[in-house]
Amino acid sequence: PEAVAAAIRLVRHQLDRATETFHCDVDPAVPNVRGNAQRLEQVIVNLLQNACQAVTDRRQAIRVQVRSAEAGQTVMLQVQDEGAGIPPEILPHLTDPFFTTKRGIGGMGLGLFLSAGIVNRMGGTIGFESVPGQGTTVTVRLRPAGPPQPSDPPPKGAMP
């Protein structure tokens, strides 16, 4: 939940310019997830920026939802926009390095590639659903944090 709030603070100005309808629904009971909070924040910022670029009318909404799924085995983050949508033939390429449909506005095609890498390193998945002319939903699924595992790095400042 903290990463979502921090990401929204970082892109608040872009959200305000892109849409008059922004909703954020974070289940207060959702557990923290395994992984680096700053990296997760980077993913959320990228997804929100993409949503801002996808909407073509300020009346089109952008929504963020965070909740537990699969009987608490997964934390699900969704970023949904009512924007232009993505043609089906492009969906499989969204996380390819240097693939972009936004070259004309400065897109480099690295945002979703890097985001997918971060999510995968956190043991999660990222998926895309879209209908041209109706919008896109990006779903990130992550494992809830549990007790530290032997392979986990020690917390910052911890002595070995």
C-alpha atoms as a PDB file:
ATOM      1  CA  PRO A   1       0.000   0.000   0.000  1.00  0.00           C
ATOM      2  CA  GLU A   2       2.819   2.460   0.771  1.00  0.00           C
ATOM      3  CA  ALA A   3       4.370   1.975  -2.683  1.00  0.00           C
ATOM      4  CA  VAL A   4       1.022   2.785  -4.311  1.00  0.00           C
ATOM      5  CA  ALA A   5       0.618   5.993  -2.290  1.00  0.00           C
ATOM      6  CA  ALA A   6       4.205   7.060  -3.028  1.00  0.00           C
ATOM      7  CA  ALA A   7       3.810   6.394  -6.756  1.00  0.00           C
ATOM      8  CA  ILE A   8       0.575   8.382  -6.892  1.00  0.00           C
ATOM      9  CA  ARG A   9       2.277  11.310  -5.151  1.00  0.00           C
ATOM     10  CA  LEU A  10       5.041  11.241  -7.782  1.00  0.00           C
ATOM     11  CA  VAL A  11       2.658  11.316 -10.758  1.00  0.00           C
ATOM     12  CA  ARG A  12      -0.208  13.327  -9.197  1.00  0.00           C
ATOM     13  CA  HIS A  13       0.347  16.272 -11.544  1.00  0.00           C
ATOM     14  CA  GLN A  14       0.229  14.012 -14.622  1.00  0.00           C
ATOM     15  CA  LEU A  15      -2.917  12.302 -13.315  1.00  0.00           C
ATOM     16  CA  ASP A  16      -4.592  15.651 -12.702  1.00  0.00           C
ATOM     17  CA  ARG A  17      -3.755  16.789 -16.249  1.00  0.00           C
ATOM     18  CA  ALA A  18      -4.838  13.507 -17.871  1.00  0.00           C
ATOM     19  CA  THR A  19      -8.155  12.782 -16.159  1.00  0.00           C
ATOM     20  CA  GLU A  20     -10.802  14.300 -13.972  1.00  0.00           C
ATOM     21  CA  THR A  21     -11.728  10.804 -12.777  1.00  0.00           C
ATOM     22  CA  PHE A  22      -9.001   9.031 -10.832  1.00  0.00           C
ATOM     23  CA  HIS A  23      -9.915   6.344  -8.314  1.00  0.00           C
ATOM     24  CA  CYS A  24      -7.624   4.429  -5.998  1.00  0.00           C
ATOM     25  CA  ASP A  25      -8.986   1.525  -3.972  1.00  0.00           C
ATOM     26  CA  VAL A  26      -6.479  -0.214  -1.721  1.00  0.00           C
ATOM     27  CA  ASP A  27      -7.846  -2.885   0.588  1.00  0.00           C
ATOM     28  CA  PRO A  28      -6.439  -1.918   4.002  1.00  0.00           C
ATOM     29  CA  ALA A  29      -6.135  -5.602   4.918  1.00  0.00           C
ATOM     30  CA  VAL A  30      -3.875  -6.437   1.980  1.00  0.00           C
ATOM     31  CA  PRO A  31      -0.503  -7.741   3.182  1.00  0.00           C
ATOM     32  CA  ASN A  32       2.849  -6.319   2.185  1.00  0.00           C
ATOM     33  CA  VAL A  33       4.587  -8.108  -0.669  1.00  0.00           C
ATOM     34  CA  ARG A  34       8.006  -9.694  -0.953  1.00  0.00           C
ATOM     35  CA  GLY A  35      10.525  -7.481  -2.683  1.00  0.00           C
ATOM     36  CA  ASN A  36      11.938  -3.996  -2.893  1.00  0.00           C
ATOM     37  CA  ALA A  37       9.411  -1.212  -2.211  1.00  0.00           C
ATOM     38  CA  GLN A  38      11.281   1.351  -4.348  1.00  0.00           C
ATOM     39  CA  ARG A  39      11.338  -1.019  -7.328  1.00  0.00           C
ATOM     40  CA  LEU A  40       7.630  -1.722  -6.912  1.00  0.00           C
ATOM     41  CA  GLU A  41       7.019   2.022  -6.758  1.00  0.00           C
ATOM     42  CA  GLN A  42       8.953   2.359 -10.047  1.00  0.00           C
ATOM     43  CA  VAL A  43       6.629  -0.221 -11.648  1.00  0.00           C
ATOM     44  CA  ILE A  44       3.506   1.564 -10.420  1.00  0.00           C
ATOM     45  CA  VAL A  45       4.794   4.955 -11.612  1.00  0.00           C
ATOM     46  CA  ASN A  46       5.405   3.485 -15.072  1.00  0.00           C
ATOM     47  CA  LEU A  47       1.936   1.914 -15.220  1.00  0.00           C
ATOM     48  CA  LEU A  48       0.284   5.171 -14.129  1.00  0.00           C
ATOM     49  CA  GLN A  49       2.272   7.211 -16.653  1.00  0.00           C
ATOM     50  CA  ASN A  50       1.231   4.803 -19.403  1.00  0.00           C
ATOM     51  CA  ALA A  51      -2.409   5.117 -18.318  1.00  0.00           C
ATOM     52  CA  CYS A  52      -2.117   8.917 -18.409  1.00  0.00           C
ATOM     53  CA  GLN A  53      -0.762   8.739 -21.952  1.00  0.00           C
ATOM     54  CA  ALA A  54      -3.507   6.314 -23.029  1.00  0.00           C
ATOM     55  CA  VAL A  55      -6.486   8.467 -22.102  1.00  0.00           C
ATOM     56  CA  THR A  56      -7.542  10.797 -24.891  1.00  0.00           C
ATOM     57  CA  ASP A  57     -10.250  12.698 -23.024  1.00  0.00           C
ATOM     58  CA  ARG A  58     -10.219  14.016 -19.456  1.00  0.00           C
ATOM     59  CA  ARG A  59     -13.576  12.294 -18.864  1.00  0.00           C
ATOM     60  CA  GLN A  60     -11.911   8.895 -19.317  1.00  0.00           C
ATOM     61  CA  ALA A  61     -11.095   7.353 -15.957  1.00  0.00           C
ATOM     62  CA  ILE A  62      -7.942   5.847 -14.507  1.00  0.00           C
ATOM     63  CA  ARG A  63      -8.326   3.388 -11.636  1.00  0.00           C
ATOM     64  CA  VAL A  64      -5.921   1.637  -9.302  1.00  0.00           C
ATOM     65  CA  GLN A  65      -7.046  -1.314  -7.239  1.00  0.00           C
ATOM     66  CA  VAL A  66      -5.039  -3.408  -4.773  1.00  0.00           C
ATOM     67  CA  ARG A  67      -6.528  -6.479  -3.124  1.00  0.00           C
ATOM     68  CA  SER A  68      -5.785 -10.006  -1.996  1.00  0.00           C
ATOM     69  CA  ALA A  69      -6.646 -12.765  -4.453  1.00  0.00           C
ATOM     70  CA  GLU A  70      -6.511 -16.528  -4.681  1.00  0.00           C
ATOM     71  CA  ALA A  71      -7.446 -17.071  -1.020  1.00  0.00           C
ATOM     72  CA  GLY A  72      -4.731 -14.675   0.174  1.00  0.00           C
ATOM     73  CA  GLN A  73      -1.938 -16.362  -1.790  1.00  0.00           C
ATOM     74  CA  THR A  74      -1.543 -13.373  -4.109  1.00  0.00           C
ATOM     75  CA  VAL A  75      -1.610  -9.603  -3.853  1.00  0.00           C
ATOM     76  CA  MET A  76      -3.152  -8.197  -7.004  1.00  0.00           C
ATOM     77  CA  LEU A  77      -2.506  -4.664  -8.246  1.00  0.00           C
ATOM     78  CA  GLN A  78      -4.518  -3.446 -11.217  1.00  0.00           C
ATOM     79  CA  VAL A  79      -4.107  -0.220 -13.152  1.00  0.00           C
ATOM     80  CA  GLN A  80      -7.000   0.367 -15.519  1.00  0.00           C
ATOM     81  CA  ASP A  81      -7.603   3.153 -17.997  1.00  0.00           C
ATOM     82  CA  GLU A  82     -10.517   3.957 -20.278  1.00  0.00           C
ATOM     83  CA  GLY A  83      -8.140   5.156 -22.979  1.00  0.00           C
ATOM     84  CA  ALA A  84      -7.324   4.190 -26.536  1.00  0.00           C
ATOM     85  CA  GLY A  85      -6.689   0.510 -25.850  1.00  0.00           C
ATOM     86  CA  ILE A  86      -4.120  -1.706 -27.498  1.00  0.00           C
ATOM     87  CA  PRO A  87      -4.632  -3.773 -30.652  1.00  0.00           C
ATOM     88  CA  PRO A  88      -4.456  -7.549 -29.986  1.00  0.00           C
ATOM     89  CA  GLU A  89      -1.444  -8.051 -32.267  1.00  0.00           C
ATOM     90  CA  ILE A  90       0.606  -5.634 -30.128  1.00  0.00           C
ATOM     91  CA  LEU A  91      -0.238  -7.118 -26.690  1.00  0.00           C
ATOM     92  CA  PRO A  92       2.365  -9.936 -26.870  1.00  0.00           C
ATOM     93  CA  HIS A  93       5.148  -7.400 -27.546  1.00  0.00           C
ATOM     94  CA  LEU A  94       4.481  -4.918 -24.737  1.00  0.00           C
ATOM     95  CA  THR A  95       7.358  -6.150 -22.571  1.00  0.00           C
ATOM     96  CA  ASP A  96       9.840  -6.582 -25.436  1.00  0.00           C
ATOM     97  CA  PRO A  97      12.887  -4.321 -25.023  1.00  0.00           C
ATOM     98  CA  PHE A  98      12.712  -1.185 -27.175  1.00  0.00           C
ATOM     99  CA  PHE A  99       9.180  -1.956 -28.393  1.00  0.00           C
ATOM    100  CA  THR A 100       7.098   1.208 -28.301  1.00  0.00           C
ATOM    101  CA  THR A 101       4.059   2.703 -29.914  1.00  0.00           C
ATOM    102  CA  LYS A 102       5.062   6.102 -28.497  1.00  0.00           C
ATOM    103  CA  ARG A 103       8.269   6.858 -30.362  1.00  0.00           C
ATOM    104  CA  GLY A 104       6.731  10.117 -31.637  1.00  0.00           C
ATOM    105  CA  ILE A 105       6.274  11.392 -28.073  1.00  0.00           C
ATOM    106  CA  GLY A 106       9.631  10.241 -26.764  1.00  0.00           C
ATOM    107  CA  GLY A 107       8.865   6.653 -25.803  1.00  0.00           C
ATOM    108  CA  MET A 108      11.909   4.381 -25.740  1.00  0.00           C
ATOM    109  CA  GLY A 109      10.164   1.060 -25.194  1.00  0.00           C
ATOM    110  CA  LEU A 110      11.889   0.291 -21.913  1.00  0.00           C
ATOM    111  CA  GLY A 111       9.242   1.091 -19.288  1.00  0.00           C
ATOM    112  CA  LEU A 112       7.216  -2.109 -19.502  1.00  0.00           C
ATOM    113  CA  PHE A 113      10.335  -4.176 -20.240  1.00  0.00           C
ATOM    114  CA  LEU A 114      11.967  -2.940 -17.016  1.00  0.00           C
ATOM    115  CA  SER A 115       8.703  -3.198 -15.069  1.00  0.00           C
ATOM    116  CA  ALA A 116       8.198  -6.813 -16.155  1.00  0.00           C
ATOM    117  CA  GLY A 117      11.770  -7.606 -15.088  1.00  0.00           C
ATOM    118  CA  ILE A 118      11.218  -6.085 -11.651  1.00  0.00           C
ATOM    119  CA  VAL A 119       7.935  -7.947 -11.182  1.00  0.00           C
ATOM    120  CA  ASN A 120       9.513 -11.231 -12.317  1.00  0.00           C
ATOM    121  CA  ARG A 121      12.470 -10.785  -9.916  1.00  0.00           C
ATOM    122  CA  MET A 122       9.919 -10.260  -7.134  1.00  0.00           C
ATOM    123  CA  GLY A 123       8.415 -13.640  -8.027  1.00  0.00           C
ATOM    124  CA  GLY A 124       5.327 -12.132  -9.620  1.00  0.00           C
ATOM    125  CA  THR A 125       3.624 -11.812 -12.973  1.00  0.00           C
ATOM    126  CA  ILE A 126       2.358  -8.952 -15.096  1.00  0.00           C
ATOM    127  CA  GLY A 127      -0.455  -9.299 -17.602  1.00  0.00           C
ATOM    128  CA  PHE A 128      -2.342  -7.086 -20.010  1.00  0.00           C
ATOM    129  CA  GLU A 129      -5.953  -7.042 -21.177  1.00  0.00           C
ATOM    130  CA  SER A 130      -7.127  -4.463 -23.654  1.00  0.00           C
ATOM    131  CA  VAL A 131      -9.941  -3.626 -26.020  1.00  0.00           C
ATOM    132  CA  PRO A 132      -9.150  -1.009 -28.661  1.00  0.00           C
ATOM    133  CA  GLY A 133     -11.243   2.077 -28.026  1.00  0.00           C
ATOM    134  CA  GLN A 134     -12.235   0.924 -24.529  1.00  0.00           C
ATOM    135  CA  GLY A 135      -9.042   0.863 -22.492  1.00  0.00           C
ATOM    136  CA  THR A 136      -6.465  -1.361 -20.892  1.00  0.00           C
ATOM    137  CA  THR A 137      -6.092  -3.218 -17.616  1.00  0.00           C
ATOM    138  CA  VAL A 138      -2.643  -4.159 -16.361  1.00  0.00           C
ATOM    139  CA  THR A 139      -2.618  -6.787 -13.619  1.00  0.00           C
ATOM    140  CA  VAL A 140       0.425  -7.363 -11.419  1.00  0.00           C
ATOM    141  CA  ARG A 141       0.312 -10.403  -9.138  1.00  0.00           C
ATOM    142  CA  LEU A 142       2.844 -10.675  -6.310  1.00  0.00           C
ATOM    143  CA  ARG A 143       3.423 -12.994  -3.378  1.00  0.00           C
ATOM    144  CA  PRO A 144       2.582 -11.694   0.063  1.00  0.00           C
ATOM    145  CA  ALA A 145       5.515 -11.174   2.384  1.00  0.00           C
ATOM    146  CA  GLY A 146       6.030 -13.934   4.873  1.00  0.00           C
ATOM    147  CA  PRO A 147       8.782 -14.810   7.257  1.00  0.00           C
ATOM    148  CA  PRO A 148      12.250 -14.173   5.819  1.00  0.00           C
ATOM    149  CA  GLN A 149      13.618 -17.007   3.702  1.00  0.00           C
ATOM    150  CA  PRO A 150      17.242 -18.206   3.901  1.00  0.00           C
ATOM    151  CA  SER A 151      17.848 -16.734   0.427  1.00  0.00           C
ATOM    152  CA  ASP A 152      16.584 -13.274   1.442  1.00  0.00           C
ATOM    153  CA  PRO A 153      19.274 -10.597   1.826  1.00  0.00           C
ATOM    154  CA  PRO A 154      19.635  -9.234   5.359  1.00  0.00           C
ATOM    155  CA  PRO A 155      17.825  -5.963   6.086  1.00  0.00           C
ATOM    156  CA  LYS A 156      19.829  -2.787   5.477  1.00  0.00           C
ATOM    157  CA  GLY A 157      22.079  -2.053   8.395  1.00  0.00           C
ATOM    158  CA  ALA A 158      21.927  -5.646   9.678  1.00  0.00           C
ATOM    159  CA  MET A 159      25.140  -7.234  10.793  1.00  0.00           C
ATOM    160  CA  PRO A 160      26.094 -10.540   9.107  1.00  0.00           C
END
